Amino acid sequence: MSAPRLMTAMVTPYGDNLEVNLSQAAKLAEYLYENGSEGIVVCGTTGESPVLSADEKLQLFAAVKEKMGKRIPIWAGTGSNYTDYSIELSRKAEKTGVDGIMLVTPYYNKPSQEGLYQHFKAIAGSVSLPVMLYNVPGRTSCNLLPETVKRLAAIDNIVAIKEASGNMDQVSLLKNLVGDDILIYSGDDSLTLPMLALGAYGVVSIASHLVGKRMIEMIDAFASGDNKKAAAIHGKLFPLFKALFVTTNPVPLKEALNMLGMEVGGFRLPLTAATDNEKKQIKDILLQYHLL
């Protein structure tokens, strides 16, 4: 099986009392698969990983993997800012049958580049699963530099990076340094096409909850050399990409999914529901795209 180009960072559905809704998570994974997703990341940023316990994460990994079987790869978000915790969670995640793990850069404690290298090396060495690095300095205050990624790419099971720095110069340097040693995924829907042009392989998307088939169509068009078509699709989807960030992700996305009847529930503090004005903007964009 070739590596997925369109991966979805899945939201975590909650019940009425904000308990994790495992059956709804399984249904959502099926829906994503039917609508173009070629892989799913469970318990990433969009999955509200900071407010989930280790046991809840492991239950989600198992439930989604059991539902999807071998149809598409399931990647588990097991990163944290405590190396030993991530090692333990990654080992337990491997036992649930997931196909890979995604490791966010350590947040808050602001390690050096050497610290980042040792952190990721230790976790990767604790499992046999493929590893995707995740660089999102806007959330972590920690930027995983291309030179460090090049060092990490020499580790056999570090196979990909979700690059969400938003810095195209950094993406260019990253591609120059790592070549085809690891796959580069865009971590921003609105930058998917620009990053593909710089040599990225795919995207870890949130918009694919709503327009997965269109995302795949854009990626396919670019891969086949039809840049005009790819750019046209990007242009049409761009307002939606931006609308999903009218407030902190995943709030707009979960509000949109609830409006569409997908019953993904509310938000655990410190996240709160969208304001009335934000909900109006979200509803308007769904109407604009004939999703509602």
Protein backbone atom coordinates (compact mmCIF):
# COMPACT_ATOMS: atom_id res chain seq x y z
CA MET A 1 0.00 0.00 0.00
CA SER A 2 1.38 3.41 -0.96
CA ALA A 3 1.59 6.12 1.68
CA PRO A 4 -1.63 8.14 2.07
CA ARG A 5 -1.62 11.61 0.55
CA LEU A 6 -4.79 12.86 2.24
CA MET A 7 -4.77 12.16 5.95
CA THR A 8 -7.43 13.58 8.24
CA ALA A 9 -6.72 14.83 11.74
CA MET A 10 -9.99 13.57 13.21
CA VAL A 11 -12.03 15.37 15.84
CA THR A 12 -12.85 13.53 19.05
CA PRO A 13 -16.61 13.12 19.49
CA TYR A 14 -18.09 13.63 22.96
CA GLY A 15 -21.38 12.61 24.50
CA ASP A 16 -23.80 14.80 26.42
CA ASN A 17 -21.57 14.81 29.50
CA LEU A 18 -18.37 15.35 27.50
CA GLU A 19 -17.43 11.69 27.80
CA VAL A 20 -15.55 10.26 24.81
CA ASN A 21 -18.07 8.76 22.40
CA LEU A 22 -16.27 5.73 21.00
CA SER A 23 -19.11 4.52 18.79
CA GLN A 24 -19.42 7.96 17.19
CA ALA A 25 -15.65 8.06 16.67
CA ALA A 26 -15.89 4.78 14.76
CA LYS A 27 -18.78 6.13 12.66
CA LEU A 28 -16.87 9.31 11.92
CA ALA A 29 -13.81 7.34 10.80
CA GLU A 30 -16.01 5.36 8.40
CA TYR A 31 -17.51 8.59 7.06
CA LEU A 32 -14.04 10.07 6.50
CA TYR A 33 -12.94 6.97 4.62
CA GLU A 34 -16.01 7.10 2.41
CA ASN A 35 -15.31 10.76 1.65
CA GLY A 36 -11.74 10.58 0.45
CA SER A 37 -9.51 10.21 3.50
CA GLU A 38 -6.65 7.81 2.85
CA GLY A 39 -5.43 7.82 6.46
CA ILE A 40 -6.62 9.09 9.83
CA VAL A 41 -4.75 10.68 12.73
CA VAL A 42 -6.47 10.08 16.07
CA CYS A 43 -5.82 12.33 19.09
CA GLY A 44 -3.87 15.06 17.37
CA THR A 45 -4.44 18.77 17.94
CA THR A 46 -7.83 18.59 16.22
CA GLY A 47 -8.65 15.57 18.39
CA GLU A 48 -8.17 17.70 21.53
CA SER A 49 -5.30 15.56 22.76
CA PRO A 50 -4.34 17.92 25.62
CA VAL A 51 -7.63 17.22 27.42
CA LEU A 52 -7.75 13.45 26.92
CA SER A 53 -6.37 10.98 29.43
CA ALA A 54 -3.97 8.26 28.35
CA ASP A 55 -6.71 5.66 28.82
CA GLU A 56 -9.14 7.66 26.68
CA LYS A 57 -6.55 7.95 23.93
CA LEU A 58 -5.86 4.23 23.95
CA GLN A 59 -9.59 3.47 23.80
CA LEU A 60 -9.92 5.81 20.81
CA PHE A 61 -6.95 4.24 19.03
CA ALA A 62 -8.41 0.78 19.52
CA ALA A 63 -11.97 1.72 18.55
CA VAL A 64 -10.99 3.49 15.33
CA LYS A 65 -8.50 0.80 14.33
CA GLU A 66 -11.02 -1.96 14.99
CA LYS A 67 -13.59 -0.17 12.84
CA MET A 68 -11.28 0.55 9.92
CA GLY A 69 -9.23 -2.63 9.96
CA LYS A 70 -6.70 -2.68 7.15
CA ARG A 71 -8.64 -0.40 4.82
CA ILE A 72 -6.66 2.73 5.67
CA PRO A 73 -3.79 3.39 8.09
CA ILE A 74 -4.61 4.79 11.52
CA TRP A 75 -1.99 6.99 13.16
CA ALA A 76 -2.01 7.64 16.89
CA GLY A 77 -1.07 10.98 18.40
CA THR A 78 1.23 9.98 21.26
CA GLY A 79 3.46 13.03 21.52
CA SER A 80 3.84 15.15 24.64
CA ASN A 81 6.40 17.35 26.35
CA TYR A 82 7.54 14.50 28.62
CA THR A 83 9.65 11.94 26.80
CA ASP A 84 9.06 9.04 29.19
CA TYR A 85 5.28 9.57 29.05
CA SER A 86 5.35 9.51 25.25
CA ILE A 87 7.44 6.34 25.25
CA GLU A 88 4.94 4.59 27.53
CA LEU A 89 1.91 5.80 25.55
CA SER A 90 3.53 4.90 22.22
CA ARG A 91 4.29 1.37 23.40
CA LYS A 92 0.71 0.92 24.56
CA ALA A 93 -0.60 2.43 21.33
CA GLU A 94 1.39 -0.10 19.33
CA LYS A 95 -0.45 -2.88 21.15
CA THR A 96 -3.81 -1.50 19.95
CA GLY A 97 -2.82 -2.29 16.36
CA VAL A 98 -2.43 1.26 15.02
CA ASP A 99 -0.28 1.70 11.93
CA GLY A 100 1.92 4.59 13.05
CA ILE A 101 2.41 7.30 15.66
CA MET A 102 2.54 11.07 15.32
CA LEU A 103 4.80 12.99 17.70
CA VAL A 104 4.31 16.70 18.25
CA THR A 105 7.29 18.80 19.29
CA PRO A 106 7.47 19.25 23.07
CA TYR A 107 5.51 22.32 24.11
CA TYR A 108 6.09 24.78 26.97
CA ASN A 109 9.53 23.48 28.08
CA LYS A 110 11.24 24.81 24.90
CA PRO A 111 14.03 22.24 24.39
CA SER A 112 17.13 22.88 22.30
CA GLN A 113 17.52 21.27 18.87
CA GLU A 114 19.71 18.62 20.50
CA GLY A 115 16.98 18.03 23.06
CA LEU A 116 14.44 17.61 20.27
CA TYR A 117 16.69 15.14 18.48
CA GLN A 118 17.19 13.04 21.61
CA HIS A 119 13.45 13.22 22.47
CA PHE A 120 12.28 11.92 19.10
CA LYS A 121 15.12 9.40 18.83
CA ALA A 122 14.20 7.89 22.20
CA ILE A 123 10.50 7.55 21.36
CA ALA A 124 11.13 6.18 17.87
CA GLY A 125 13.54 3.65 19.33
CA SER A 126 10.93 2.40 21.79
CA VAL A 127 8.52 1.12 19.10
CA SER A 128 8.62 -0.64 15.76
CA LEU A 129 5.91 1.58 14.27
CA PRO A 130 6.50 4.26 11.64
CA VAL A 131 6.83 7.73 13.14
CA MET A 132 5.55 11.06 11.83
CA LEU A 133 7.11 14.16 13.38
CA TYR A 134 4.80 17.15 13.89
CA ASN A 135 6.14 20.69 13.83
CA VAL A 136 3.63 23.38 14.81
CA PRO A 137 5.58 26.24 16.42
CA GLY A 138 2.52 28.50 16.58
CA ARG A 139 1.12 26.19 19.26
CA THR A 140 4.28 24.84 20.89
CA SER A 141 6.72 27.81 20.89
CA CYS A 142 9.20 25.25 19.57
CA ASN A 143 10.41 25.08 15.97
CA LEU A 144 11.89 21.81 14.73
CA LEU A 145 14.53 23.06 12.30
CA PRO A 146 15.26 21.38 8.95
CA GLU A 147 18.81 20.51 10.00
CA THR A 148 17.43 18.55 12.96
CA VAL A 149 14.85 16.83 10.78
CA LYS A 150 17.68 15.73 8.48
CA ARG A 151 19.41 14.06 11.45
CA LEU A 152 16.17 12.40 12.51
CA ALA A 153 15.50 11.18 8.96
CA ALA A 154 18.46 8.84 9.35
CA ILE A 155 16.47 6.86 11.95
CA ASP A 156 14.81 3.99 10.10
CA ASN A 157 11.26 4.30 11.40
CA ILE A 158 11.01 8.10 11.22
CA VAL A 159 9.27 8.30 7.87
CA ALA A 160 7.35 11.57 7.69
CA ILE A 161 6.86 15.06 9.08
CA LYS A 162 3.72 17.13 9.39
CA GLU A 163 5.15 20.61 8.79
CA ALA A 164 2.90 23.39 10.09
CA SER A 165 5.35 26.24 10.56
CA GLY A 166 3.65 28.16 7.77
CA ASN A 167 7.11 29.22 6.59
CA MET A 168 7.64 28.41 2.92
CA ASP A 169 11.36 29.18 3.11
CA GLN A 170 11.63 26.58 5.87
CA VAL A 171 9.72 24.08 3.75
CA SER A 172 12.08 24.72 0.83
CA LEU A 173 15.15 24.19 3.01
CA LEU A 174 13.58 21.10 4.57
CA LYS A 175 12.96 19.52 1.16
CA ASN A 176 16.48 20.39 0.01
CA LEU A 177 17.97 18.71 3.08
CA VAL A 178 15.83 15.57 3.39
CA GLY A 179 15.04 14.92 -0.27
CA ASP A 180 12.97 11.75 -0.39
CA ASP A 181 14.30 10.35 2.89
CA ILE A 182 11.04 11.24 4.64
CA LEU A 183 7.66 12.39 3.38
CA ILE A 184 6.63 15.99 4.01
CA TYR A 185 2.97 16.67 4.78
CA SER A 186 1.39 20.08 4.95
CA GLY A 187 -0.15 20.81 8.34
CA ASP A 188 -2.25 23.67 6.95
CA ASP A 189 -5.04 23.10 4.44
CA SER A 190 -4.54 26.50 2.84
CA LEU A 191 -0.85 25.76 2.23
CA THR A 192 -1.30 22.28 0.79
CA LEU A 193 -0.97 23.27 -2.85
CA PRO A 194 1.95 25.69 -2.29
CA MET A 195 3.75 22.99 -0.32
CA LEU A 196 3.08 20.36 -2.99
CA ALA A 197 4.79 22.73 -5.42
CA LEU A 198 7.83 22.74 -3.11
CA GLY A 199 7.99 18.95 -2.99
CA ALA A 200 5.61 17.99 -0.19
CA TYR A 201 3.83 14.65 -0.52
CA GLY A 202 0.40 15.32 0.98
CA VAL A 203 -1.55 16.93 3.79
CA VAL A 204 -2.81 16.14 7.26
CA SER A 205 -6.09 17.96 6.84
CA ILE A 206 -9.03 19.16 8.89
CA ALA A 207 -11.08 20.47 5.94
CA SER A 208 -11.27 16.88 4.69
CA HIS A 209 -14.01 16.33 7.27
CA LEU A 210 -16.13 18.45 4.93
CA VAL A 211 -14.55 18.39 1.45
CA GLY A 212 -12.32 15.32 1.40
CA LYS A 213 -13.13 14.31 -2.16
CA ARG A 214 -12.35 17.80 -3.43
CA MET A 215 -9.03 17.74 -1.55
CA ILE A 216 -8.09 14.47 -3.23
CA GLU A 217 -9.14 15.90 -6.59
CA MET A 218 -6.79 18.85 -6.05
CA ILE A 219 -3.88 16.61 -5.05
CA ASP A 220 -4.51 14.27 -7.99
CA ALA A 221 -4.65 17.20 -10.41
CA PHE A 222 -1.31 18.50 -9.21
CA ALA A 223 0.27 15.03 -9.31
CA SER A 224 -0.88 14.57 -12.91
CA GLY A 225 0.56 17.91 -13.97
CA ASP A 226 -2.74 19.78 -14.26
CA ASN A 227 -1.61 22.77 -12.24
CA LYS A 228 -4.39 24.98 -13.56
CA LYS A 229 -7.07 22.61 -12.27
CA ALA A 230 -5.31 22.18 -8.94
CA ALA A 231 -5.06 25.95 -8.51
CA ALA A 232 -8.73 26.38 -9.41
CA ILE A 233 -9.81 23.86 -6.76
CA HIS A 234 -7.50 25.47 -4.20
CA GLY A 235 -9.03 28.85 -5.00
CA LYS A 236 -12.57 27.55 -4.58
CA LEU A 237 -11.77 25.87 -1.26
CA PHE A 238 -9.64 28.68 0.17
CA PRO A 239 -12.53 30.58 1.87
CA LEU A 240 -13.56 27.36 3.61
CA PHE A 241 -9.99 26.69 4.74
CA LYS A 242 -9.86 30.11 6.37
CA ALA A 243 -13.37 29.92 7.85
CA LEU A 244 -12.35 26.84 9.83
CA PHE A 245 -10.01 29.12 11.78
CA VAL A 246 -12.41 31.93 12.73
CA THR A 247 -11.54 30.83 16.25
CA THR A 248 -9.27 28.17 17.71
CA ASN A 249 -9.26 24.79 15.96
CA PRO A 250 -11.14 22.46 16.42
CA VAL A 251 -13.99 24.69 17.61
CA PRO A 252 -15.21 25.85 14.16
CA LEU A 253 -14.89 22.36 12.71
CA LYS A 254 -16.86 20.69 15.49
CA GLU A 255 -19.52 23.39 15.26
CA ALA A 256 -19.75 22.76 11.50
CA LEU A 257 -20.00 19.00 11.95
CA ASN A 258 -22.74 19.42 14.56
CA MET A 259 -24.64 21.70 12.17
CA LEU A 260 -24.41 18.89 9.60
CA GLY A 261 -25.91 16.43 12.09
CA MET A 262 -22.76 14.47 12.83
CA GLU A 263 -23.14 14.76 16.62
CA VAL A 264 -19.54 15.26 17.66
CA GLY A 265 -20.52 17.03 20.88
CA GLY A 266 -19.10 20.00 22.70
CA PHE A 267 -15.76 21.04 24.14
CA ARG A 268 -13.78 20.31 27.26
CA LEU A 269 -12.38 23.33 29.02
CA PRO A 270 -10.38 25.40 28.42
CA LEU A 271 -11.97 25.32 24.95
CA THR A 272 -15.47 26.77 24.71
CA ALA A 273 -18.18 26.90 22.07
CA ALA A 274 -18.08 29.41 19.23
CA THR A 275 -19.80 32.75 19.75
CA ASP A 276 -23.08 33.49 17.97
CA ASN A 277 -21.21 35.61 15.42
CA GLU A 278 -18.67 32.85 14.80
CA LYS A 279 -21.48 30.29 14.42
CA LYS A 280 -23.11 32.54 11.84
CA GLN A 281 -19.86 32.72 9.87
CA ILE A 282 -19.55 28.94 10.00
CA LYS A 283 -23.16 28.41 8.93
CA ASP A 284 -22.78 30.92 6.09
CA ILE A 285 -19.71 29.12 4.72
CA LEU A 286 -21.49 25.75 4.87
CA LEU A 287 -24.37 27.26 2.92
CA GLN A 288 -21.96 28.83 0.43
CA TYR A 289 -20.47 25.40 -0.30
CA HIS A 290 -23.90 23.72 -0.40
CA LEU A 291 -22.90 21.51 2.50
CA LEU A 292 -25.91 22.57 4.58
